[in-house]
Amino acid sequence: YPLCALAVSDERPVSTQSTWVMETAEEMVSTGLRDLGYVYLNLDDCWQIDRAADGSIIPDPGFPSGMEALGEFIHGLGLRYGLYSSAGTGTCQGRPGGLGYEGIDAQTYASWGVDYLKYDN
């Protein structure tokens, strides 16, 4: 399937991140992209901000309803939901990477309903 990848940005106001992603998902449907096979909406870097004491990944405050709720919204439009992580200690933008946290990250992403993981370094 073709992908639609969004680069979440430190330059976008934090309060608009989730709204921007949801509007993009709606546009993928309303413009007919979904019906043409563009069913994956993937968030690239900067959706994550830190790690909790137990090692679990913490989403950026720009996603106040959480990543699971965002995934449910995307799925509700008939789209699939993807995230990015790095195989290193940090991402290209200095956000937390997955090295050493692969197991807990996989469990977390699965609990959020993530359909696709872009994993590089």
C-alpha atoms as a PDB file:
ATOM      1  CA  TYR A   1       0.000   0.000   0.000  1.00  0.00           C
ATOM      2  CA  PRO A   2       1.183   3.575  -0.589  1.00  0.00           C
ATOM      3  CA  LEU A   3       1.994   5.584   2.526  1.00  0.00           C
ATOM      4  CA  CYS A   4       1.163   9.069   3.682  1.00  0.00           C
ATOM      5  CA  ALA A   5       3.865  10.077   6.168  1.00  0.00           C
ATOM      6  CA  LEU A   6       3.658  13.182   8.324  1.00  0.00           C
ATOM      7  CA  ALA A   7       6.692  14.766   9.890  1.00  0.00           C
ATOM      8  CA  VAL A   8       5.495  16.095  13.217  1.00  0.00           C
ATOM      9  CA  SER A   9       7.561  19.179  13.901  1.00  0.00           C
ATOM     10  CA  ASP A  10       8.977  21.109  16.812  1.00  0.00           C
ATOM     11  CA  GLU A  11       8.095  24.206  14.771  1.00  0.00           C
ATOM     12  CA  ARG A  12       4.337  23.502  14.854  1.00  0.00           C
ATOM     13  CA  PRO A  13       2.610  24.768  18.014  1.00  0.00           C
ATOM     14  CA  VAL A  14       2.263  21.894  20.480  1.00  0.00           C
ATOM     15  CA  SER A  15      -1.479  22.457  20.845  1.00  0.00           C
ATOM     16  CA  THR A  16      -2.081  21.760  17.149  1.00  0.00           C
ATOM     17  CA  GLN A  17      -0.199  18.477  16.614  1.00  0.00           C
ATOM     18  CA  SER A  18      -3.120  16.118  17.224  1.00  0.00           C
ATOM     19  CA  THR A  19      -5.576  18.340  15.362  1.00  0.00           C
ATOM     20  CA  TRP A  20      -3.245  18.556  12.364  1.00  0.00           C
ATOM     21  CA  VAL A  21      -2.917  14.765  12.185  1.00  0.00           C
ATOM     22  CA  MET A  22      -6.690  14.263  12.485  1.00  0.00           C
ATOM     23  CA  GLU A  23      -7.370  16.860   9.776  1.00  0.00           C
ATOM     24  CA  THR A  24      -4.843  15.145   7.507  1.00  0.00           C
ATOM     25  CA  ALA A  25      -6.590  11.808   8.063  1.00  0.00           C
ATOM     26  CA  GLU A  26      -9.935  13.382   7.183  1.00  0.00           C
ATOM     27  CA  GLU A  27      -8.413  14.916   4.042  1.00  0.00           C
ATOM     28  CA  MET A  28      -7.065  11.529   2.973  1.00  0.00           C
ATOM     29  CA  VAL A  29     -10.648  10.301   2.975  1.00  0.00           C
ATOM     30  CA  SER A  30     -12.404  13.377   1.569  1.00  0.00           C
ATOM     31  CA  THR A  31      -9.967  13.773  -1.340  1.00  0.00           C
ATOM     32  CA  GLY A  32     -10.290  10.120  -2.299  1.00  0.00           C
ATOM     33  CA  LEU A  33      -6.738   9.123  -1.410  1.00  0.00           C
ATOM     34  CA  ARG A  34      -7.967   6.303   0.828  1.00  0.00           C
ATOM     35  CA  ASP A  35     -10.058   4.885  -2.009  1.00  0.00           C
ATOM     36  CA  LEU A  36      -6.984   4.966  -4.262  1.00  0.00           C
ATOM     37  CA  GLY A  37      -5.115   2.765  -1.788  1.00  0.00           C
ATOM     38  CA  TYR A  38      -3.396   5.353   0.395  1.00  0.00           C
ATOM     39  CA  VAL A  39      -4.490   3.798   3.668  1.00  0.00           C
ATOM     40  CA  TYR A  40      -1.452   4.261   5.916  1.00  0.00           C
ATOM     41  CA  LEU A  41      -1.066   7.496   7.856  1.00  0.00           C
ATOM     42  CA  ASN A  42       2.353   7.402   9.493  1.00  0.00           C
ATOM     43  CA  LEU A  43       3.735   9.876  11.999  1.00  0.00           C
ATOM     44  CA  ASP A  44       7.442  10.412  11.652  1.00  0.00           C
ATOM     45  CA  ASP A  45       9.739  11.964  14.270  1.00  0.00           C
ATOM     46  CA  CYS A  46       8.704  14.236  17.163  1.00  0.00           C
ATOM     47  CA  TRP A  47       5.521  12.518  18.339  1.00  0.00           C
ATOM     48  CA  GLN A  48       7.470  11.211  21.382  1.00  0.00           C
ATOM     49  CA  ILE A  49       8.940  13.375  24.116  1.00  0.00           C
ATOM     50  CA  ASP A  50      10.513  11.231  26.866  1.00  0.00           C
ATOM     51  CA  ARG A  51      10.494   7.946  28.764  1.00  0.00           C
ATOM     52  CA  ALA A  52       8.659   7.221  32.013  1.00  0.00           C
ATOM     53  CA  ALA A  53      10.430   5.680  35.024  1.00  0.00           C
ATOM     54  CA  ASP A  54       9.292   2.211  33.849  1.00  0.00           C
ATOM     55  CA  GLY A  55      10.866   2.842  30.436  1.00  0.00           C
ATOM     56  CA  SER A  56       7.616   3.328  28.532  1.00  0.00           C
ATOM     57  CA  ILE A  57       7.566   5.963  25.814  1.00  0.00           C
ATOM     58  CA  ILE A  58       5.759   9.224  26.579  1.00  0.00           C
ATOM     59  CA  PRO A  59       3.929  11.017  23.741  1.00  0.00           C
ATOM     60  CA  ASP A  60       4.485  14.706  23.107  1.00  0.00           C
ATOM     61  CA  PRO A  61       1.943  16.969  24.880  1.00  0.00           C
ATOM     62  CA  GLY A  62       0.696  17.903  21.402  1.00  0.00           C
ATOM     63  CA  PHE A  63      -1.311  14.670  21.564  1.00  0.00           C
ATOM     64  CA  PRO A  64      -3.387  15.382  24.692  1.00  0.00           C
ATOM     65  CA  SER A  65      -5.882  12.563  24.130  1.00  0.00           C
ATOM     66  CA  GLY A  66      -3.048  10.069  23.737  1.00  0.00           C
ATOM     67  CA  MET A  67      -1.803   7.920  20.911  1.00  0.00           C
ATOM     68  CA  GLU A  68      -4.385   5.181  21.413  1.00  0.00           C
ATOM     69  CA  ALA A  69      -7.235   7.669  20.937  1.00  0.00           C
ATOM     70  CA  LEU A  70      -5.520   9.080  17.861  1.00  0.00           C
ATOM     71  CA  GLY A  71      -5.195   5.571  16.449  1.00  0.00           C
ATOM     72  CA  GLU A  72      -8.874   4.885  17.115  1.00  0.00           C
ATOM     73  CA  PHE A  73      -9.775   8.062  15.216  1.00  0.00           C
ATOM     74  CA  ILE A  74      -7.565   7.103  12.267  1.00  0.00           C
ATOM     75  CA  HIS A  75      -8.936   3.543  12.236  1.00  0.00           C
ATOM     76  CA  GLY A  76     -12.472   4.910  12.386  1.00  0.00           C
ATOM     77  CA  LEU A  77     -11.843   6.553   9.018  1.00  0.00           C
ATOM     78  CA  GLY A  78     -10.820   3.247   7.482  1.00  0.00           C
ATOM     79  CA  LEU A  79      -7.127   4.104   7.576  1.00  0.00           C
ATOM     80  CA  ARG A  80      -4.140   2.399   9.150  1.00  0.00           C
ATOM     81  CA  TYR A  81      -1.911   4.028  11.717  1.00  0.00           C
ATOM     82  CA  GLY A  82       1.883   4.064  11.798  1.00  0.00           C
ATOM     83  CA  LEU A  83       4.617   5.507  13.996  1.00  0.00           C
ATOM     84  CA  TYR A  84       8.355   6.057  13.722  1.00  0.00           C
ATOM     85  CA  SER A  85      11.101   5.096  16.128  1.00  0.00           C
ATOM     86  CA  SER A  86      14.843   4.855  15.940  1.00  0.00           C
ATOM     87  CA  ALA A  87      16.972   1.757  16.544  1.00  0.00           C
ATOM     88  CA  GLY A  88      19.418   4.044  18.353  1.00  0.00           C
ATOM     89  CA  THR A  89      19.266   5.847  21.680  1.00  0.00           C
ATOM     90  CA  GLY A  90      17.738   8.912  20.064  1.00  0.00           C
ATOM     91  CA  THR A  91      15.920   9.971  16.919  1.00  0.00           C
ATOM     92  CA  CYS A  92      17.236  12.421  14.335  1.00  0.00           C
ATOM     93  CA  GLN A  93      15.479  15.195  16.258  1.00  0.00           C
ATOM     94  CA  GLY A  94      16.869  14.112  19.629  1.00  0.00           C
ATOM     95  CA  ARG A  95      13.703  12.395  20.860  1.00  0.00           C
ATOM     96  CA  PRO A  96      13.989   9.035  22.676  1.00  0.00           C
ATOM     97  CA  GLY A  97      14.882   6.089  20.461  1.00  0.00           C
ATOM     98  CA  GLY A  98      14.116   2.426  20.962  1.00  0.00           C
ATOM     99  CA  LEU A  99      17.545   0.955  21.747  1.00  0.00           C
ATOM    100  CA  GLY A 100      17.160  -1.156  24.874  1.00  0.00           C
ATOM    101  CA  TYR A 101      13.388  -0.594  24.955  1.00  0.00           C
ATOM    102  CA  GLU A 102      12.325  -2.777  22.037  1.00  0.00           C
ATOM    103  CA  GLY A 103      10.087  -5.082  24.100  1.00  0.00           C
ATOM    104  CA  ILE A 104       8.233  -2.417  26.057  1.00  0.00           C
ATOM    105  CA  ASP A 105       7.881  -0.275  22.929  1.00  0.00           C
ATOM    106  CA  ALA A 106       6.411  -3.181  20.954  1.00  0.00           C
ATOM    107  CA  GLN A 107       3.895  -3.813  23.733  1.00  0.00           C
ATOM    108  CA  THR A 108       3.038  -0.118  23.951  1.00  0.00           C
ATOM    109  CA  TYR A 109       2.593   0.321  20.205  1.00  0.00           C
ATOM    110  CA  ALA A 110       0.411  -2.798  20.048  1.00  0.00           C
ATOM    111  CA  SER A 111      -1.747  -1.488  22.915  1.00  0.00           C
ATOM    112  CA  TRP A 112      -2.207   1.757  20.960  1.00  0.00           C
ATOM    113  CA  GLY A 113      -3.344  -0.148  17.869  1.00  0.00           C
ATOM    114  CA  VAL A 114      -0.331   0.821  15.754  1.00  0.00           C
ATOM    115  CA  ASP A 115      -0.408  -1.031  12.414  1.00  0.00           C
ATOM    116  CA  TYR A 116       3.031  -0.079  11.077  1.00  0.00           C
ATOM    117  CA  LEU A 117       6.377   0.841  12.607  1.00  0.00           C
ATOM    118  CA  LYS A 118       9.092   2.659  10.677  1.00  0.00           C
ATOM    119  CA  TYR A 119      12.267   1.705  12.559  1.00  0.00           C
ATOM    120  CA  ASP A 120      15.645   3.024  11.464  1.00  0.00           C
ATOM    121  CA  ASN A 121      18.774   4.710  12.749  1.00  0.00           C
END
